[in-house]
N, C-alpha and C. Protein backbone atom coordinates (compact mmCIF):
# COMPACT_ATOMS: atom_id res chain seq x y z
N MET A 1 -95.09 125.05 -175.64
CA MET A 1 -94.82 126.16 -174.73
C MET A 1 -93.79 127.08 -175.36
N LYS A 2 -94.10 128.37 -175.47
CA LYS A 2 -93.17 129.32 -176.06
C LYS A 2 -92.20 129.81 -174.99
N VAL A 3 -90.91 129.78 -175.31
CA VAL A 3 -89.86 130.25 -174.41
C VAL A 3 -89.11 131.36 -175.11
N VAL A 4 -89.19 132.56 -174.56
CA VAL A 4 -88.48 133.71 -175.12
C VAL A 4 -87.03 133.64 -174.69
N VAL A 5 -86.12 133.71 -175.67
CA VAL A 5 -84.69 133.50 -175.43
C VAL A 5 -83.89 134.69 -175.93
N THR A 6 -82.81 134.99 -175.20
CA THR A 6 -81.83 135.96 -175.68
C THR A 6 -80.52 135.22 -175.93
N ILE A 7 -79.77 135.70 -176.92
CA ILE A 7 -78.49 135.09 -177.29
C ILE A 7 -77.37 136.08 -177.04
N GLU A 8 -76.33 135.61 -176.38
CA GLU A 8 -75.12 136.39 -176.15
C GLU A 8 -73.98 135.58 -176.77
N ALA A 9 -73.44 136.06 -177.89
CA ALA A 9 -72.50 135.24 -178.66
C ALA A 9 -71.18 135.96 -178.89
N ALA A 10 -70.11 135.35 -178.39
CA ALA A 10 -68.76 135.81 -178.67
C ALA A 10 -68.17 134.91 -179.76
N GLU A 11 -66.91 135.08 -180.05
CA GLU A 11 -66.31 134.32 -181.15
C GLU A 11 -66.29 132.82 -180.89
N LYS A 12 -65.99 132.42 -179.66
CA LYS A 12 -65.80 131.01 -179.36
C LYS A 12 -66.85 130.42 -178.43
N LYS A 13 -67.73 131.24 -177.91
CA LYS A 13 -68.74 130.73 -176.99
C LYS A 13 -69.99 131.58 -177.07
N ALA A 14 -71.14 130.93 -176.88
CA ALA A 14 -72.43 131.64 -176.88
C ALA A 14 -73.26 131.15 -175.69
N PHE A 15 -74.12 132.03 -175.21
CA PHE A 15 -75.08 131.68 -174.18
C PHE A 15 -76.50 131.90 -174.72
N ALA A 16 -77.36 130.95 -174.43
CA ALA A 16 -78.79 131.11 -174.67
C ALA A 16 -79.46 131.18 -173.31
N THR A 17 -80.26 132.22 -173.09
CA THR A 17 -80.87 132.45 -171.80
C THR A 17 -82.37 132.66 -171.96
N ALA A 18 -83.16 131.92 -171.19
CA ALA A 18 -84.61 132.11 -171.19
C ALA A 18 -84.92 133.39 -170.42
N ALA A 19 -85.51 134.36 -171.11
CA ALA A 19 -85.67 135.70 -170.55
C ALA A 19 -86.53 135.73 -169.30
N ASP A 20 -87.44 134.78 -169.17
CA ASP A 20 -88.37 134.80 -168.04
C ASP A 20 -88.12 133.69 -167.03
N TRP A 21 -86.98 133.01 -167.15
CA TRP A 21 -86.66 131.88 -166.26
C TRP A 21 -85.25 132.03 -165.71
N PRO A 22 -85.07 132.77 -164.62
CA PRO A 22 -83.75 132.88 -164.01
C PRO A 22 -83.13 131.50 -163.75
N GLY A 23 -81.87 131.35 -164.15
CA GLY A 23 -81.18 130.09 -163.99
C GLY A 23 -81.17 129.25 -165.24
N TRP A 24 -82.10 129.52 -166.16
CA TRP A 24 -82.19 128.73 -167.39
C TRP A 24 -81.30 129.40 -168.44
N SER A 25 -80.02 129.06 -168.41
CA SER A 25 -79.04 129.65 -169.31
C SER A 25 -77.98 128.60 -169.59
N ARG A 26 -77.71 128.39 -170.86
CA ARG A 26 -76.75 127.35 -171.23
C ARG A 26 -75.78 127.88 -172.28
N SER A 27 -74.58 127.37 -172.24
CA SER A 27 -73.56 127.82 -173.19
C SER A 27 -73.22 126.72 -174.19
N GLY A 28 -72.62 127.14 -175.29
CA GLY A 28 -72.15 126.22 -176.31
C GLY A 28 -71.18 126.96 -177.21
N LYS A 29 -70.53 126.22 -178.08
CA LYS A 29 -69.57 126.86 -178.98
C LYS A 29 -70.26 127.76 -180.00
N THR A 30 -71.52 127.47 -180.29
CA THR A 30 -72.30 128.27 -181.24
C THR A 30 -73.67 128.58 -180.65
N GLU A 31 -74.38 129.49 -181.28
CA GLU A 31 -75.73 129.82 -180.85
C GLU A 31 -76.61 128.57 -180.84
N GLU A 32 -76.50 127.77 -181.90
CA GLU A 32 -77.35 126.59 -182.02
C GLU A 32 -77.08 125.60 -180.89
N LEU A 33 -75.80 125.42 -180.56
CA LEU A 33 -75.44 124.48 -179.49
C LEU A 33 -75.84 125.02 -178.11
N ALA A 34 -75.93 126.35 -178.01
CA ALA A 34 -76.28 126.95 -176.72
C ALA A 34 -77.77 126.81 -176.40
N ILE A 35 -78.61 126.64 -177.44
CA ILE A 35 -80.05 126.53 -177.21
C ILE A 35 -80.36 125.09 -176.82
N GLU A 36 -80.32 124.80 -175.53
CA GLU A 36 -80.52 123.46 -175.00
C GLU A 36 -81.67 123.48 -174.00
N ALA A 37 -82.18 122.29 -173.72
CA ALA A 37 -83.28 122.20 -172.75
C ALA A 37 -82.74 122.32 -171.33
N LEU A 38 -83.28 123.28 -170.62
CA LEU A 38 -82.92 123.48 -169.22
C LEU A 38 -84.17 123.94 -168.50
N VAL A 39 -84.62 123.20 -167.53
CA VAL A 39 -85.93 123.46 -166.95
C VAL A 39 -85.81 123.88 -165.48
N ALA A 40 -86.39 125.01 -165.16
CA ALA A 40 -86.51 125.43 -163.76
C ALA A 40 -87.82 124.87 -163.23
N ARG A 41 -87.74 123.91 -162.31
CA ARG A 41 -88.93 123.19 -161.88
C ARG A 41 -89.31 123.48 -160.43
N ALA A 42 -88.57 124.36 -159.77
CA ALA A 42 -88.82 124.58 -158.35
C ALA A 42 -89.62 125.87 -158.15
N ALA A 43 -89.69 126.30 -156.91
CA ALA A 43 -90.35 127.55 -156.51
C ALA A 43 -91.82 127.61 -156.89
N GLY A 44 -92.48 126.46 -156.94
CA GLY A 44 -93.91 126.44 -157.17
C GLY A 44 -94.31 126.67 -158.60
N GLU A 45 -93.35 126.64 -159.53
CA GLU A 45 -93.69 126.86 -160.93
C GLU A 45 -94.28 125.58 -161.53
N ASP A 46 -95.31 125.73 -162.37
CA ASP A 46 -95.92 124.60 -163.05
C ASP A 46 -95.31 124.53 -164.44
N PHE A 47 -94.26 123.71 -164.57
CA PHE A 47 -93.53 123.63 -165.82
C PHE A 47 -93.32 122.16 -166.16
N ASP A 48 -93.86 121.73 -167.25
CA ASP A 48 -93.79 120.33 -167.65
C ASP A 48 -92.48 120.08 -168.39
N PRO A 49 -91.56 119.28 -167.81
CA PRO A 49 -90.28 119.06 -168.48
C PRO A 49 -90.40 118.30 -169.79
N ASP A 50 -91.55 117.66 -170.02
CA ASP A 50 -91.76 116.93 -171.28
C ASP A 50 -92.49 117.77 -172.33
N ALA A 51 -92.79 119.01 -171.98
CA ALA A 51 -93.53 119.86 -172.91
C ALA A 51 -92.66 120.17 -174.14
N ARG A 52 -93.31 120.29 -175.27
CA ARG A 52 -92.61 120.69 -176.50
C ARG A 52 -92.35 122.19 -176.43
N LEU A 53 -91.10 122.57 -176.59
CA LEU A 53 -90.72 123.96 -176.43
C LEU A 53 -90.61 124.65 -177.78
N ASP A 54 -91.19 125.83 -177.84
CA ASP A 54 -91.09 126.68 -179.02
C ASP A 54 -90.12 127.80 -178.68
N ILE A 55 -88.87 127.69 -179.13
CA ILE A 55 -87.84 128.67 -178.80
C ILE A 55 -88.00 129.90 -179.67
N ASP A 56 -88.19 131.04 -179.03
CA ASP A 56 -88.41 132.31 -179.73
C ASP A 56 -87.24 133.24 -179.39
N VAL A 57 -86.25 133.32 -180.27
CA VAL A 57 -85.10 134.19 -180.02
C VAL A 57 -85.50 135.63 -180.31
N ARG A 58 -85.55 136.45 -179.27
CA ARG A 58 -86.00 137.83 -179.40
C ARG A 58 -84.87 138.84 -179.47
N GLU A 59 -83.72 138.45 -178.98
CA GLU A 59 -82.64 139.43 -178.89
C GLU A 59 -81.28 138.73 -179.03
N ARG A 60 -80.41 139.35 -179.80
CA ARG A 60 -79.05 138.83 -179.97
C ARG A 60 -78.05 139.95 -179.66
N SER A 61 -77.02 139.59 -178.90
CA SER A 61 -75.99 140.55 -178.55
C SER A 61 -74.63 139.93 -178.78
N GLY A 62 -73.66 140.75 -179.16
CA GLY A 62 -72.30 140.26 -179.26
C GLY A 62 -71.72 140.08 -177.88
N GLY A 63 -71.07 138.98 -177.63
CA GLY A 63 -70.49 138.73 -176.32
C GLY A 63 -69.16 139.44 -176.16
N GLY A 64 -68.61 139.31 -174.97
CA GLY A 64 -67.33 139.93 -174.68
C GLY A 64 -66.42 138.96 -173.96
N GLY A 65 -65.48 139.52 -173.19
CA GLY A 65 -64.54 138.68 -172.47
C GLY A 65 -65.23 137.78 -171.44
N GLY A 66 -66.25 138.30 -170.80
CA GLY A 66 -66.99 137.49 -169.83
C GLY A 66 -67.66 136.30 -170.48
N THR A 67 -68.21 136.50 -171.66
CA THR A 67 -68.84 135.41 -172.40
C THR A 67 -67.82 134.32 -172.70
N GLU A 68 -66.68 134.71 -173.24
CA GLU A 68 -65.63 133.76 -173.58
C GLU A 68 -65.14 133.01 -172.33
N PHE A 69 -65.12 133.70 -171.20
CA PHE A 69 -64.67 133.09 -169.95
C PHE A 69 -65.68 132.07 -169.44
N GLY A 70 -66.94 132.21 -169.89
CA GLY A 70 -67.96 131.25 -169.48
C GLY A 70 -69.03 131.81 -168.57
N VAL A 71 -69.28 133.11 -168.68
CA VAL A 71 -70.28 133.77 -167.83
C VAL A 71 -71.26 134.55 -168.71
N PRO A 72 -72.58 134.36 -168.52
CA PRO A 72 -73.54 135.20 -169.24
C PRO A 72 -73.52 136.61 -168.63
N SER A 73 -72.81 137.52 -169.27
CA SER A 73 -72.43 138.76 -168.59
C SER A 73 -73.05 140.03 -169.13
N LEU A 74 -73.92 139.93 -170.14
CA LEU A 74 -74.50 141.14 -170.74
C LEU A 74 -75.92 141.38 -170.23
N VAL A 75 -76.21 142.61 -169.84
CA VAL A 75 -77.58 143.01 -169.48
C VAL A 75 -78.33 143.29 -170.77
N THR A 76 -79.35 142.50 -171.06
CA THR A 76 -80.09 142.65 -172.31
C THR A 76 -81.22 143.66 -172.16
N GLU A 77 -81.83 144.01 -173.30
CA GLU A 77 -82.99 144.91 -173.24
C GLU A 77 -84.14 144.25 -172.50
N LEU A 78 -84.29 142.94 -172.66
CA LEU A 78 -85.35 142.24 -171.93
C LEU A 78 -85.08 142.23 -170.43
N ASP A 79 -83.82 142.30 -170.03
CA ASP A 79 -83.49 142.41 -168.61
C ASP A 79 -83.88 143.77 -168.04
N ARG A 80 -84.13 144.74 -168.92
CA ARG A 80 -84.45 146.09 -168.46
C ARG A 80 -85.95 146.31 -168.27
N ARG A 81 -86.73 145.27 -168.45
CA ARG A 81 -88.18 145.41 -168.23
C ARG A 81 -88.48 145.65 -166.75
N ARG A 82 -89.49 146.44 -166.47
CA ARG A 82 -89.90 146.67 -165.09
C ARG A 82 -90.43 145.38 -164.49
N THR A 83 -90.43 145.30 -163.18
CA THR A 83 -91.02 144.15 -162.50
C THR A 83 -92.15 144.63 -161.60
N THR A 84 -93.29 143.99 -161.74
CA THR A 84 -94.42 144.25 -160.86
C THR A 84 -94.19 143.52 -159.54
N GLU A 85 -95.10 143.72 -158.60
CA GLU A 85 -94.99 143.00 -157.33
C GLU A 85 -94.99 141.49 -157.56
N ARG A 86 -95.84 141.03 -158.46
CA ARG A 86 -95.91 139.60 -158.76
C ARG A 86 -94.63 139.12 -159.45
N ASP A 87 -94.15 139.89 -160.43
CA ASP A 87 -92.90 139.54 -161.12
C ASP A 87 -91.75 139.43 -160.14
N ALA A 88 -91.65 140.42 -159.27
CA ALA A 88 -90.54 140.50 -158.34
C ALA A 88 -90.54 139.31 -157.37
N ASP A 89 -91.72 138.95 -156.88
CA ASP A 89 -91.80 137.80 -155.98
C ASP A 89 -91.37 136.53 -156.70
N ARG A 90 -91.77 136.39 -157.96
CA ARG A 90 -91.39 135.20 -158.73
C ARG A 90 -89.88 135.13 -158.94
N LEU A 91 -89.25 136.27 -159.26
CA LEU A 91 -87.80 136.28 -159.42
C LEU A 91 -87.12 135.81 -158.14
N ALA A 92 -87.56 136.35 -157.01
CA ALA A 92 -86.95 135.98 -155.74
C ALA A 92 -87.14 134.50 -155.44
N ARG A 93 -88.33 133.97 -155.72
CA ARG A 93 -88.58 132.55 -155.45
C ARG A 93 -87.70 131.64 -156.30
N LEU A 94 -87.49 132.01 -157.55
CA LEU A 94 -86.66 131.20 -158.43
C LEU A 94 -85.20 131.25 -158.01
N VAL A 95 -84.74 132.40 -157.57
CA VAL A 95 -83.37 132.49 -157.07
C VAL A 95 -83.22 131.66 -155.79
N GLU A 96 -84.18 131.75 -154.90
CA GLU A 96 -84.13 130.94 -153.68
C GLU A 96 -84.15 129.45 -154.01
N ALA A 97 -84.91 129.07 -155.02
CA ALA A 97 -84.95 127.67 -155.45
C ALA A 97 -83.58 127.23 -155.98
N ALA A 98 -82.90 128.11 -156.70
CA ALA A 98 -81.57 127.77 -157.20
C ALA A 98 -80.59 127.57 -156.05
N TRP A 99 -80.67 128.43 -155.04
CA TRP A 99 -79.81 128.25 -153.86
C TRP A 99 -80.10 126.92 -153.18
N ARG A 100 -81.38 126.57 -153.07
CA ARG A 100 -81.72 125.29 -152.44
C ARG A 100 -81.18 124.12 -153.27
N ALA A 101 -81.30 124.21 -154.58
CA ALA A 101 -80.80 123.14 -155.43
C ALA A 101 -79.30 122.98 -155.26
N PHE A 102 -78.59 124.09 -155.16
CA PHE A 102 -77.14 124.00 -154.94
C PHE A 102 -76.84 123.38 -153.59
N ALA A 103 -77.53 123.83 -152.55
CA ALA A 103 -77.29 123.29 -151.21
C ALA A 103 -77.58 121.79 -151.16
N ASP A 104 -78.65 121.37 -151.82
CA ASP A 104 -79.00 119.94 -151.85
C ASP A 104 -77.93 119.13 -152.56
N ALA A 105 -77.43 119.66 -153.69
CA ALA A 105 -76.39 118.95 -154.44
C ALA A 105 -75.12 118.82 -153.61
N ALA A 106 -74.74 119.91 -152.92
CA ALA A 106 -73.53 119.88 -152.11
C ALA A 106 -73.68 118.94 -150.92
N ALA A 107 -74.86 118.94 -150.30
CA ALA A 107 -75.09 118.09 -149.13
C ALA A 107 -75.06 116.61 -149.50
N ALA A 108 -75.50 116.29 -150.70
CA ALA A 108 -75.57 114.89 -151.12
C ALA A 108 -74.25 114.36 -151.68
N ALA A 109 -73.31 115.26 -151.93
CA ALA A 109 -72.06 114.86 -152.60
C ALA A 109 -70.97 114.52 -151.59
N PRO A 110 -70.04 113.68 -151.97
CA PRO A 110 -68.86 113.46 -151.13
C PRO A 110 -67.95 114.68 -151.19
N GLU A 111 -67.01 114.76 -150.29
CA GLU A 111 -66.07 115.88 -150.32
C GLU A 111 -65.19 115.80 -151.57
N ALA A 112 -64.68 114.62 -151.87
CA ALA A 112 -63.79 114.45 -153.02
C ALA A 112 -64.61 114.19 -154.27
N LEU A 113 -64.45 115.03 -155.27
CA LEU A 113 -65.16 114.87 -156.53
C LEU A 113 -64.20 114.36 -157.59
N ARG A 114 -64.78 113.75 -158.62
CA ARG A 114 -63.97 113.23 -159.72
C ARG A 114 -63.19 114.38 -160.38
N LYS A 115 -61.92 114.15 -160.61
CA LYS A 115 -61.08 115.18 -161.22
C LYS A 115 -61.29 115.22 -162.72
N GLY A 116 -60.88 116.32 -163.32
CA GLY A 116 -60.97 116.45 -164.76
C GLY A 116 -59.91 115.62 -165.45
N PRO A 117 -59.89 115.63 -166.78
CA PRO A 117 -58.93 114.80 -167.54
C PRO A 117 -57.48 115.13 -167.23
N ARG A 118 -57.22 116.36 -166.75
CA ARG A 118 -55.85 116.75 -166.41
C ARG A 118 -55.65 116.82 -164.90
N GLY A 119 -56.58 116.25 -164.16
CA GLY A 119 -56.44 116.20 -162.71
C GLY A 119 -56.92 117.42 -161.98
N GLY A 120 -57.59 118.34 -162.68
CA GLY A 120 -58.04 119.58 -162.06
C GLY A 120 -59.45 119.49 -161.51
N GLY A 121 -59.87 120.55 -160.84
CA GLY A 121 -61.24 120.63 -160.33
C GLY A 121 -61.28 120.73 -158.81
N ARG A 122 -62.15 121.59 -158.31
CA ARG A 122 -62.29 121.77 -156.87
C ARG A 122 -63.14 120.67 -156.26
N ASP A 123 -62.89 120.38 -154.99
CA ASP A 123 -63.75 119.46 -154.25
C ASP A 123 -64.96 120.23 -153.72
N THR A 124 -65.91 119.51 -153.11
CA THR A 124 -67.21 120.09 -152.77
C THR A 124 -67.10 121.32 -151.88
N SER A 125 -66.32 121.24 -150.81
CA SER A 125 -66.25 122.37 -149.89
C SER A 125 -65.69 123.62 -150.57
N LYS A 126 -64.76 123.43 -151.51
CA LYS A 126 -64.19 124.58 -152.22
C LYS A 126 -65.21 125.18 -153.18
N ILE A 127 -66.06 124.35 -153.78
CA ILE A 127 -67.12 124.88 -154.65
C ILE A 127 -68.12 125.66 -153.82
N VAL A 128 -68.49 125.13 -152.66
CA VAL A 128 -69.41 125.85 -151.77
C VAL A 128 -68.80 127.21 -151.39
N GLU A 129 -67.54 127.21 -151.02
CA GLU A 129 -66.85 128.45 -150.66
C GLU A 129 -66.88 129.43 -151.83
N HIS A 130 -66.65 128.93 -153.04
CA HIS A 130 -66.66 129.79 -154.22
C HIS A 130 -68.04 130.41 -154.47
N VAL A 131 -69.09 129.60 -154.38
CA VAL A 131 -70.45 130.10 -154.63
C VAL A 131 -70.84 131.12 -153.57
N GLU A 132 -70.52 130.85 -152.32
CA GLU A 132 -70.84 131.81 -151.27
C GLU A 132 -70.07 133.11 -151.45
N GLY A 133 -68.80 133.02 -151.84
CA GLY A 133 -68.02 134.22 -152.09
C GLY A 133 -68.57 135.02 -153.25
N ALA A 134 -69.01 134.32 -154.31
CA ALA A 134 -69.61 135.00 -155.47
C ALA A 134 -70.89 135.71 -155.06
N ASP A 135 -71.70 135.06 -154.22
CA ASP A 135 -72.94 135.71 -153.79
C ASP A 135 -72.65 136.98 -152.99
N GLY A 136 -71.56 136.97 -152.22
CA GLY A 136 -71.17 138.19 -151.52
C GLY A 136 -70.85 139.32 -152.50
N ALA A 137 -70.17 138.96 -153.60
CA ALA A 137 -69.86 139.97 -154.62
C ALA A 137 -71.13 140.41 -155.34
N TYR A 138 -72.02 139.47 -155.60
CA TYR A 138 -73.29 139.81 -156.25
C TYR A 138 -74.11 140.74 -155.38
N ALA A 139 -74.08 140.50 -154.07
CA ALA A 139 -74.82 141.38 -153.15
C ALA A 139 -74.34 142.82 -153.28
N ARG A 140 -73.03 142.99 -153.39
CA ARG A 140 -72.49 144.35 -153.54
C ARG A 140 -72.94 144.98 -154.85
N GLU A 141 -73.04 144.17 -155.91
CA GLU A 141 -73.56 144.69 -157.18
C GLU A 141 -75.00 145.16 -157.04
N MET A 142 -75.71 144.60 -156.07
CA MET A 142 -77.10 144.98 -155.83
C MET A 142 -77.22 146.13 -154.83
N GLY A 143 -76.06 146.66 -154.40
CA GLY A 143 -76.06 147.79 -153.49
C GLY A 143 -76.05 147.42 -152.02
N LEU A 144 -75.79 146.15 -151.71
CA LEU A 144 -75.78 145.68 -150.33
C LEU A 144 -74.35 145.59 -149.82
N LYS A 145 -74.11 146.13 -148.65
CA LYS A 145 -72.80 146.04 -148.01
C LYS A 145 -73.00 145.39 -146.65
N LEU A 146 -72.82 144.08 -146.62
CA LEU A 146 -73.12 143.32 -145.42
C LEU A 146 -71.92 142.48 -145.00
N ASP A 147 -71.58 142.56 -143.73
CA ASP A 147 -70.61 141.64 -143.15
C ASP A 147 -71.40 140.71 -142.25
N ALA A 148 -71.94 139.64 -142.87
CA ALA A 148 -72.89 138.78 -142.18
C ALA A 148 -72.78 137.37 -142.72
N PRO A 149 -73.34 136.39 -141.99
CA PRO A 149 -73.37 135.02 -142.51
C PRO A 149 -74.09 134.96 -143.85
N ILE A 150 -73.75 133.96 -144.66
CA ILE A 150 -74.28 133.88 -146.01
C ILE A 150 -75.79 133.80 -146.03
N ALA A 151 -76.40 133.16 -145.04
CA ALA A 151 -77.87 133.07 -145.02
C ALA A 151 -78.49 134.46 -144.91
N GLU A 152 -77.88 135.33 -144.11
CA GLU A 152 -78.40 136.70 -143.98
C GLU A 152 -78.16 137.50 -145.25
N VAL A 153 -77.01 137.30 -145.86
CA VAL A 153 -76.71 138.00 -147.12
C VAL A 153 -77.73 137.60 -148.19
N ARG A 154 -78.00 136.31 -148.31
CA ARG A 154 -78.94 135.85 -149.31
C ARG A 154 -80.36 136.32 -149.02
N ALA A 155 -80.73 136.36 -147.76
CA ALA A 155 -82.06 136.87 -147.41
C ALA A 155 -82.20 138.34 -147.83
N ALA A 156 -81.13 139.11 -147.64
CA ALA A 156 -81.16 140.52 -148.05
C ALA A 156 -81.22 140.64 -149.57
N MET A 157 -80.51 139.78 -150.28
CA MET A 157 -80.55 139.79 -151.75
C MET A 157 -81.96 139.46 -152.24
N ALA A 158 -82.58 138.45 -151.64
CA ALA A 158 -83.93 138.09 -152.04
C ALA A 158 -84.91 139.23 -151.75
N ALA A 159 -84.69 139.93 -150.65
CA ALA A 159 -85.57 141.05 -150.31
C ALA A 159 -85.47 142.16 -151.36
N VAL A 160 -84.27 142.41 -151.87
CA VAL A 160 -84.11 143.41 -152.94
C VAL A 160 -84.87 142.97 -154.18
N LEU A 161 -84.75 141.70 -154.54
CA LEU A 161 -85.43 141.20 -155.73
C LEU A 161 -86.94 141.25 -155.58
N ARG A 162 -87.43 141.16 -154.35
CA ARG A 162 -88.89 141.16 -154.13
C ARG A 162 -89.50 142.56 -154.23
N GLU A 163 -88.67 143.56 -154.35
CA GLU A 163 -89.18 144.93 -154.50
C GLU A 163 -89.48 145.21 -155.97
N PRO A 164 -90.69 145.64 -156.32
CA PRO A 164 -90.97 146.01 -157.71
C PRO A 164 -89.96 147.05 -158.19
N SER A 165 -89.63 147.00 -159.48
CA SER A 165 -88.60 147.91 -159.99
C SER A 165 -88.96 148.41 -161.38
N ASP A 166 -88.36 149.55 -161.73
CA ASP A 166 -88.48 150.01 -163.11
C ASP A 166 -87.27 149.48 -163.87
N GLU A 167 -86.96 150.09 -165.00
CA GLU A 167 -85.85 149.57 -165.81
C GLU A 167 -84.49 150.02 -165.31
N SER A 168 -84.45 150.81 -164.24
CA SER A 168 -83.18 151.35 -163.75
C SER A 168 -82.32 150.27 -163.11
N PRO A 169 -81.01 150.40 -163.22
CA PRO A 169 -80.11 149.45 -162.54
C PRO A 169 -80.27 149.56 -161.03
N LEU A 170 -80.01 148.47 -160.36
CA LEU A 170 -80.09 148.45 -158.90
C LEU A 170 -78.97 149.32 -158.31
N ALA A 171 -79.33 150.12 -157.32
CA ALA A 171 -78.36 150.95 -156.59
C ALA A 171 -77.52 151.83 -157.52
N ASP A 172 -78.11 152.21 -158.68
CA ASP A 172 -77.43 153.06 -159.65
C ASP A 172 -76.11 152.46 -160.13
N ARG A 173 -76.06 151.11 -160.18
CA ARG A 173 -74.84 150.46 -160.66
C ARG A 173 -75.10 149.95 -162.09
N LYS A 174 -74.95 148.64 -162.33
CA LYS A 174 -75.11 148.11 -163.69
C LYS A 174 -76.25 147.11 -163.79
N TRP A 175 -76.42 146.29 -162.78
CA TRP A 175 -77.37 145.19 -162.86
C TRP A 175 -78.80 145.65 -162.62
N THR A 176 -79.71 145.22 -163.48
CA THR A 176 -81.14 145.39 -163.21
C THR A 176 -81.60 144.21 -162.35
N ALA A 177 -82.83 144.30 -161.84
CA ALA A 177 -83.36 143.21 -161.01
C ALA A 177 -83.42 141.90 -161.79
N ARG A 178 -83.88 141.97 -163.04
CA ARG A 178 -84.00 140.74 -163.83
C ARG A 178 -82.63 140.14 -164.13
N TYR A 179 -81.65 140.98 -164.47
CA TYR A 179 -80.32 140.43 -164.74
C TYR A 179 -79.72 139.85 -163.46
N ALA A 180 -79.89 140.53 -162.34
CA ALA A 180 -79.37 140.01 -161.07
C ALA A 180 -79.93 138.63 -160.79
N ALA A 181 -81.23 138.45 -160.99
CA ALA A 181 -81.85 137.15 -160.75
C ALA A 181 -81.27 136.10 -161.69
N HIS A 182 -81.10 136.43 -162.97
CA HIS A 182 -80.51 135.50 -163.93
C HIS A 182 -79.10 135.09 -163.51
N ARG A 183 -78.28 136.09 -163.20
CA ARG A 183 -76.86 135.82 -162.91
C ARG A 183 -76.71 134.97 -161.65
N ILE A 184 -77.45 135.33 -160.59
CA ILE A 184 -77.32 134.62 -159.32
C ILE A 184 -77.81 133.18 -159.46
N ALA A 185 -78.99 133.00 -160.05
CA ALA A 185 -79.55 131.65 -160.19
C ALA A 185 -78.70 130.80 -161.12
N TRP A 186 -78.23 131.39 -162.22
CA TRP A 186 -77.38 130.63 -163.15
C TRP A 186 -76.13 130.12 -162.44
N HIS A 187 -75.49 130.97 -161.67
CA HIS A 187 -74.23 130.58 -161.02
C HIS A 187 -74.45 129.44 -160.03
N ALA A 188 -75.50 129.54 -159.23
CA ALA A 188 -75.79 128.48 -158.26
C ALA A 188 -76.09 127.16 -158.95
N LEU A 189 -76.91 127.21 -159.99
CA LEU A 189 -77.28 125.98 -160.69
C LEU A 189 -76.11 125.40 -161.48
N ASP A 190 -75.31 126.27 -162.07
CA ASP A 190 -74.16 125.79 -162.84
C ASP A 190 -73.24 124.95 -161.96
N HIS A 191 -73.02 125.41 -160.74
CA HIS A 191 -72.15 124.66 -159.83
C HIS A 191 -72.86 123.48 -159.19
N ALA A 192 -74.17 123.55 -159.04
CA ALA A 192 -74.91 122.36 -158.59
C ALA A 192 -74.74 121.23 -159.59
N TRP A 193 -74.88 121.56 -160.88
CA TRP A 193 -74.72 120.54 -161.93
C TRP A 193 -73.28 120.06 -161.99
N GLU A 194 -72.32 120.96 -161.75
CA GLU A 194 -70.92 120.54 -161.73
C GLU A 194 -70.70 119.48 -160.65
N ILE A 195 -71.24 119.74 -159.46
CA ILE A 195 -71.09 118.77 -158.37
C ILE A 195 -71.73 117.44 -158.74
N GLU A 196 -72.93 117.50 -159.29
CA GLU A 196 -73.61 116.26 -159.67
C GLU A 196 -72.84 115.51 -160.75
N ASP A 197 -72.33 116.23 -161.73
CA ASP A 197 -71.61 115.60 -162.84
C ASP A 197 -70.30 114.97 -162.38
N ARG A 198 -69.70 115.53 -161.35
CA ARG A 198 -68.38 115.07 -160.92
C ARG A 198 -68.45 114.15 -159.70
N THR A 199 -69.65 113.79 -159.29
CA THR A 199 -69.81 112.83 -158.20
C THR A 199 -69.73 111.41 -158.76
N GLU A 200 -68.85 110.62 -158.19
CA GLU A 200 -68.70 109.24 -158.65
C GLU A 200 -69.96 108.45 -158.33
N PRO A 201 -70.45 107.62 -159.26
CA PRO A 201 -71.63 106.79 -159.00
C PRO A 201 -71.40 105.87 -157.79
N ALA A 202 -72.46 105.67 -157.01
CA ALA A 202 -72.36 104.78 -155.85
C ALA A 202 -72.08 103.35 -156.32
N GLY A 203 -71.27 102.64 -155.56
CA GLY A 203 -71.01 101.25 -155.88
C GLY A 203 -69.96 101.07 -156.93
């Protein structure tokens, strides 16, 4: 299976992102370390996690401060592709799947999570609060100004993604529809995995 990938590389950190799979983005100290297996298996997609992957790096960009901080923050040329009605619906479904994966991870986890080597790290409720707050900020990047419960905010975000788009940024800001889907899904999944990784094994 061929996977088209973009690389965002700063001096000390790089991100590899699957251009057509929102949420499939991994970081590493180098480009090579960033190209890791990450599979989006929800939202009705037929994706075999055991399939042999043919990684096709189509675009490379120099990273910036956001990259070094740990965020895939550059809008690539592949992110500027138009979305058809079918494309747009798929983006929205994958983002909704990422939100569900995060909610499932949080619901299954204890409140107290394993601390880091220096005693740091948020507990589950604080991570949930952080992800919901980030989604509120992401909504504003998409041109939405809502003072509403998070479920309504996310429904409005998904509705924006479901609208076919050209290469123009959403709401005349910076993010295109494809980049918005990547950023939102990546953030939800990144923290879902954090919760899972920091949950003490039962027994």
